[in-house]
């Protein structure tokens, strides 16, 4: 089951952070069709968040057709975002862990790592469209 977390310093509204975390889990195959999401009460207890915020996130995901609420039963994944390339994720993750270790050894902090990654990612996206 997914465990939510909030970053108060991200500038991203709490409900959107929950939506993004569910979508990331769906893309990575961590959540699959039929899996149950935590109840609103469980999320509130886990991360000390307003129940209406959790409900808003779940409604957004339901509007997108990703989850479905079944009264008295819970909230379940209805559709996945995982691609057919899930098999390559393990090798890519190992490579990324190695890169992150190298970045830490080079003295990069979290923000520097993210900045380097995003600038490199955007540059490669521009190259692919050129």
C-alpha atoms as a PDB file:
ATOM      1  CA  UNK A   1       0.000   0.000   0.000  1.00  0.00           C
ATOM      2  CA  UNK A   2       1.182   3.520  -0.777  1.00  0.00           C
ATOM      3  CA  UNK A   3       2.491   5.671   2.061  1.00  0.00           C
ATOM      4  CA  UNK A   4       1.980   9.364   1.505  1.00  0.00           C
ATOM      5  CA  UNK A   5       4.308  12.155   2.597  1.00  0.00           C
ATOM      6  CA  UNK A   6       4.086  15.926   2.329  1.00  0.00           C
ATOM      7  CA  UNK A   7       6.763  18.490   1.595  1.00  0.00           C
ATOM      8  CA  UNK A   8       5.671  21.745   3.230  1.00  0.00           C
ATOM      9  CA  UNK A   9       8.442  23.640   1.432  1.00  0.00           C
ATOM     10  CA  UNK A  10       7.632  22.504  -2.114  1.00  0.00           C
ATOM     11  CA  UNK A  11       5.055  25.194  -2.872  1.00  0.00           C
ATOM     12  CA  UNK A  12       2.781  22.483  -4.268  1.00  0.00           C
ATOM     13  CA  UNK A  13      -0.660  22.250  -2.642  1.00  0.00           C
ATOM     14  CA  UNK A  14      -1.059  19.225  -0.379  1.00  0.00           C
ATOM     15  CA  UNK A  15      -3.830  17.642  -2.431  1.00  0.00           C
ATOM     16  CA  UNK A  16      -1.700  17.877  -5.590  1.00  0.00           C
ATOM     17  CA  UNK A  17       1.207  16.232  -3.782  1.00  0.00           C
ATOM     18  CA  UNK A  18      -1.090  13.289  -2.990  1.00  0.00           C
ATOM     19  CA  UNK A  19      -2.310  13.144  -6.599  1.00  0.00           C
ATOM     20  CA  UNK A  20       1.286  13.212  -7.879  1.00  0.00           C
ATOM     21  CA  UNK A  21       2.343  10.460  -5.483  1.00  0.00           C
ATOM     22  CA  UNK A  22      -0.476   8.185  -6.639  1.00  0.00           C
ATOM     23  CA  UNK A  23       0.360   8.895 -10.286  1.00  0.00           C
ATOM     24  CA  UNK A  24       4.057   8.186  -9.672  1.00  0.00           C
ATOM     25  CA  UNK A  25       3.159   4.884  -7.993  1.00  0.00           C
ATOM     26  CA  UNK A  26       0.933   4.017 -10.963  1.00  0.00           C
ATOM     27  CA  UNK A  27       3.690   4.850 -13.468  1.00  0.00           C
ATOM     28  CA  UNK A  28       6.259   2.795 -11.577  1.00  0.00           C
ATOM     29  CA  UNK A  29       3.986  -0.211 -11.181  1.00  0.00           C
ATOM     30  CA  UNK A  30       3.915   0.170  -7.392  1.00  0.00           C
ATOM     31  CA  UNK A  31       0.129   0.369  -7.594  1.00  0.00           C
ATOM     32  CA  UNK A  32      -1.789  -1.901  -9.912  1.00  0.00           C
ATOM     33  CA  UNK A  33      -5.388  -2.227 -10.998  1.00  0.00           C
ATOM     34  CA  UNK A  34      -7.440  -3.524  -8.091  1.00  0.00           C
ATOM     35  CA  UNK A  35      -5.094  -2.282  -5.371  1.00  0.00           C
ATOM     36  CA  UNK A  36      -6.763  -0.436  -2.531  1.00  0.00           C
ATOM     37  CA  UNK A  37      -5.682   3.048  -1.528  1.00  0.00           C
ATOM     38  CA  UNK A  38      -5.526   3.985   2.144  1.00  0.00           C
ATOM     39  CA  UNK A  39      -8.766   5.263   3.600  1.00  0.00           C
ATOM     40  CA  UNK A  40      -9.103   8.976   4.252  1.00  0.00           C
ATOM     41  CA  UNK A  41      -8.889   8.231   7.971  1.00  0.00           C
ATOM     42  CA  UNK A  42      -5.631   6.282   7.478  1.00  0.00           C
ATOM     43  CA  UNK A  43      -4.064   9.105   5.440  1.00  0.00           C
ATOM     44  CA  UNK A  44      -5.122  11.693   8.030  1.00  0.00           C
ATOM     45  CA  UNK A  45      -3.548   9.608  10.802  1.00  0.00           C
ATOM     46  CA  UNK A  46      -0.389   8.970   8.774  1.00  0.00           C
ATOM     47  CA  UNK A  47       0.465  12.525   7.709  1.00  0.00           C
ATOM     48  CA  UNK A  48      -1.744  14.815   9.834  1.00  0.00           C
ATOM     49  CA  UNK A  49      -3.698  16.353   6.971  1.00  0.00           C
ATOM     50  CA  UNK A  50      -7.224  17.709   6.689  1.00  0.00           C
ATOM     51  CA  UNK A  51      -9.653  14.982   5.545  1.00  0.00           C
ATOM     52  CA  UNK A  52     -11.116  17.345   2.923  1.00  0.00           C
ATOM     53  CA  UNK A  53      -7.665  17.623   1.328  1.00  0.00           C
ATOM     54  CA  UNK A  54      -7.466  13.842   0.941  1.00  0.00           C
ATOM     55  CA  UNK A  55     -11.019  13.740  -0.417  1.00  0.00           C
ATOM     56  CA  UNK A  56     -10.139  16.434  -2.969  1.00  0.00           C
ATOM     57  CA  UNK A  57      -7.111  14.452  -4.149  1.00  0.00           C
ATOM     58  CA  UNK A  58      -9.146  11.254  -4.423  1.00  0.00           C
ATOM     59  CA  UNK A  59     -11.919  13.096  -6.332  1.00  0.00           C
ATOM     60  CA  UNK A  60      -9.352  14.445  -8.816  1.00  0.00           C
ATOM     61  CA  UNK A  61      -7.947  10.956  -9.358  1.00  0.00           C
ATOM     62  CA  UNK A  62     -11.453   9.570  -9.751  1.00  0.00           C
ATOM     63  CA  UNK A  63     -12.345  12.265 -12.309  1.00  0.00           C
ATOM     64  CA  UNK A  64      -9.298  11.168 -14.305  1.00  0.00           C
ATOM     65  CA  UNK A  65     -10.548   7.582 -14.217  1.00  0.00           C
ATOM     66  CA  UNK A  66      -7.546   6.327 -12.270  1.00  0.00           C
ATOM     67  CA  UNK A  67      -9.376   5.255  -9.120  1.00  0.00           C
ATOM     68  CA  UNK A  68     -12.909   4.336  -8.147  1.00  0.00           C
ATOM     69  CA  UNK A  69     -14.620   4.683  -4.776  1.00  0.00           C
ATOM     70  CA  UNK A  70     -16.876   1.851  -3.678  1.00  0.00           C
ATOM     71  CA  UNK A  71     -19.060   2.934  -0.758  1.00  0.00           C
ATOM     72  CA  UNK A  72     -18.467   0.751   2.265  1.00  0.00           C
ATOM     73  CA  UNK A  73     -15.516  -1.006   0.612  1.00  0.00           C
ATOM     74  CA  UNK A  74     -12.880   1.627  -0.068  1.00  0.00           C
ATOM     75  CA  UNK A  75     -11.043   3.294  -2.930  1.00  0.00           C
ATOM     76  CA  UNK A  76      -9.407   1.145  -5.583  1.00  0.00           C
ATOM     77  CA  UNK A  77      -7.079   1.605  -8.541  1.00  0.00           C
ATOM     78  CA  UNK A  78      -9.104   1.389 -11.733  1.00  0.00           C
ATOM     79  CA  UNK A  79      -6.446   2.166 -14.334  1.00  0.00           C
ATOM     80  CA  UNK A  80      -2.661   2.117 -14.361  1.00  0.00           C
ATOM     81  CA  UNK A  81      -0.181   4.515 -15.935  1.00  0.00           C
ATOM     82  CA  UNK A  82       2.628   1.957 -16.097  1.00  0.00           C
ATOM     83  CA  UNK A  83       4.232   1.528 -19.468  1.00  0.00           C
ATOM     84  CA  UNK A  84       5.277  -1.718 -21.037  1.00  0.00           C
ATOM     85  CA  UNK A  85       8.892  -0.861 -20.157  1.00  0.00           C
ATOM     86  CA  UNK A  86       8.489  -1.738 -16.471  1.00  0.00           C
ATOM     87  CA  UNK A  87      10.956  -4.599 -16.899  1.00  0.00           C
ATOM     88  CA  UNK A  88      13.764  -2.104 -17.529  1.00  0.00           C
ATOM     89  CA  UNK A  89      13.039  -0.110 -14.366  1.00  0.00           C
ATOM     90  CA  UNK A  90      15.260  -2.234 -12.097  1.00  0.00           C
ATOM     91  CA  UNK A  91      18.338  -1.724 -14.257  1.00  0.00           C
ATOM     92  CA  UNK A  92      17.608   1.970 -14.667  1.00  0.00           C
ATOM     93  CA  UNK A  93      17.097   2.348 -10.918  1.00  0.00           C
ATOM     94  CA  UNK A  94      20.487   0.715 -10.222  1.00  0.00           C
ATOM     95  CA  UNK A  95      22.125   3.068 -12.704  1.00  0.00           C
ATOM     96  CA  UNK A  96      20.386   6.052 -11.135  1.00  0.00           C
ATOM     97  CA  UNK A  97      21.420   4.996  -7.613  1.00  0.00           C
ATOM     98  CA  UNK A  98      25.027   4.809  -8.824  1.00  0.00           C
ATOM     99  CA  UNK A  99      24.715   8.280 -10.364  1.00  0.00           C
ATOM    100  CA  UNK A 100      23.192   9.687  -7.159  1.00  0.00           C
ATOM    101  CA  UNK A 101      26.029   8.189  -5.099  1.00  0.00           C
ATOM    102  CA  UNK A 102      28.528   9.831  -7.462  1.00  0.00           C
ATOM    103  CA  UNK A 103      26.715  13.162  -7.125  1.00  0.00           C
ATOM    104  CA  UNK A 104      26.818  12.903  -3.320  1.00  0.00           C
ATOM    105  CA  UNK A 105      30.537  12.076  -3.432  1.00  0.00           C
ATOM    106  CA  UNK A 106      31.031  15.171  -5.598  1.00  0.00           C
ATOM    107  CA  UNK A 107      29.403  17.235  -2.844  1.00  0.00           C
ATOM    108  CA  UNK A 108      26.060  18.003  -4.495  1.00  0.00           C
ATOM    109  CA  UNK A 109      23.147  18.627  -2.151  1.00  0.00           C
ATOM    110  CA  UNK A 110      19.562  17.631  -2.950  1.00  0.00           C
ATOM    111  CA  UNK A 111      18.665  20.901  -4.664  1.00  0.00           C
ATOM    112  CA  UNK A 112      21.819  20.796  -6.796  1.00  0.00           C
ATOM    113  CA  UNK A 113      21.094  17.205  -7.828  1.00  0.00           C
ATOM    114  CA  UNK A 114      17.536  18.124  -8.816  1.00  0.00           C
ATOM    115  CA  UNK A 115      18.720  21.222 -10.703  1.00  0.00           C
ATOM    116  CA  UNK A 116      21.349  19.237 -12.599  1.00  0.00           C
ATOM    117  CA  UNK A 117      18.919  16.455 -13.413  1.00  0.00           C
ATOM    118  CA  UNK A 118      16.138  18.782 -14.579  1.00  0.00           C
ATOM    119  CA  UNK A 119      18.422  20.942 -16.719  1.00  0.00           C
ATOM    120  CA  UNK A 120      19.935  17.848 -18.326  1.00  0.00           C
ATOM    121  CA  UNK A 121      16.503  16.290 -18.820  1.00  0.00           C
ATOM    122  CA  UNK A 122      15.161  19.441 -20.481  1.00  0.00           C
ATOM    123  CA  UNK A 123      18.237  19.709 -22.706  1.00  0.00           C
ATOM    124  CA  UNK A 124      17.820  16.126 -23.922  1.00  0.00           C
ATOM    125  CA  UNK A 125      14.118  16.741 -24.564  1.00  0.00           C
ATOM    126  CA  UNK A 126      14.993  19.725 -26.752  1.00  0.00           C
ATOM    127  CA  UNK A 127      17.561  17.630 -28.634  1.00  0.00           C
ATOM    128  CA  UNK A 128      14.958  14.910 -29.255  1.00  0.00           C
ATOM    129  CA  UNK A 129      12.501  17.387 -30.751  1.00  0.00           C
ATOM    130  CA  UNK A 130      15.110  19.121 -32.894  1.00  0.00           C
END
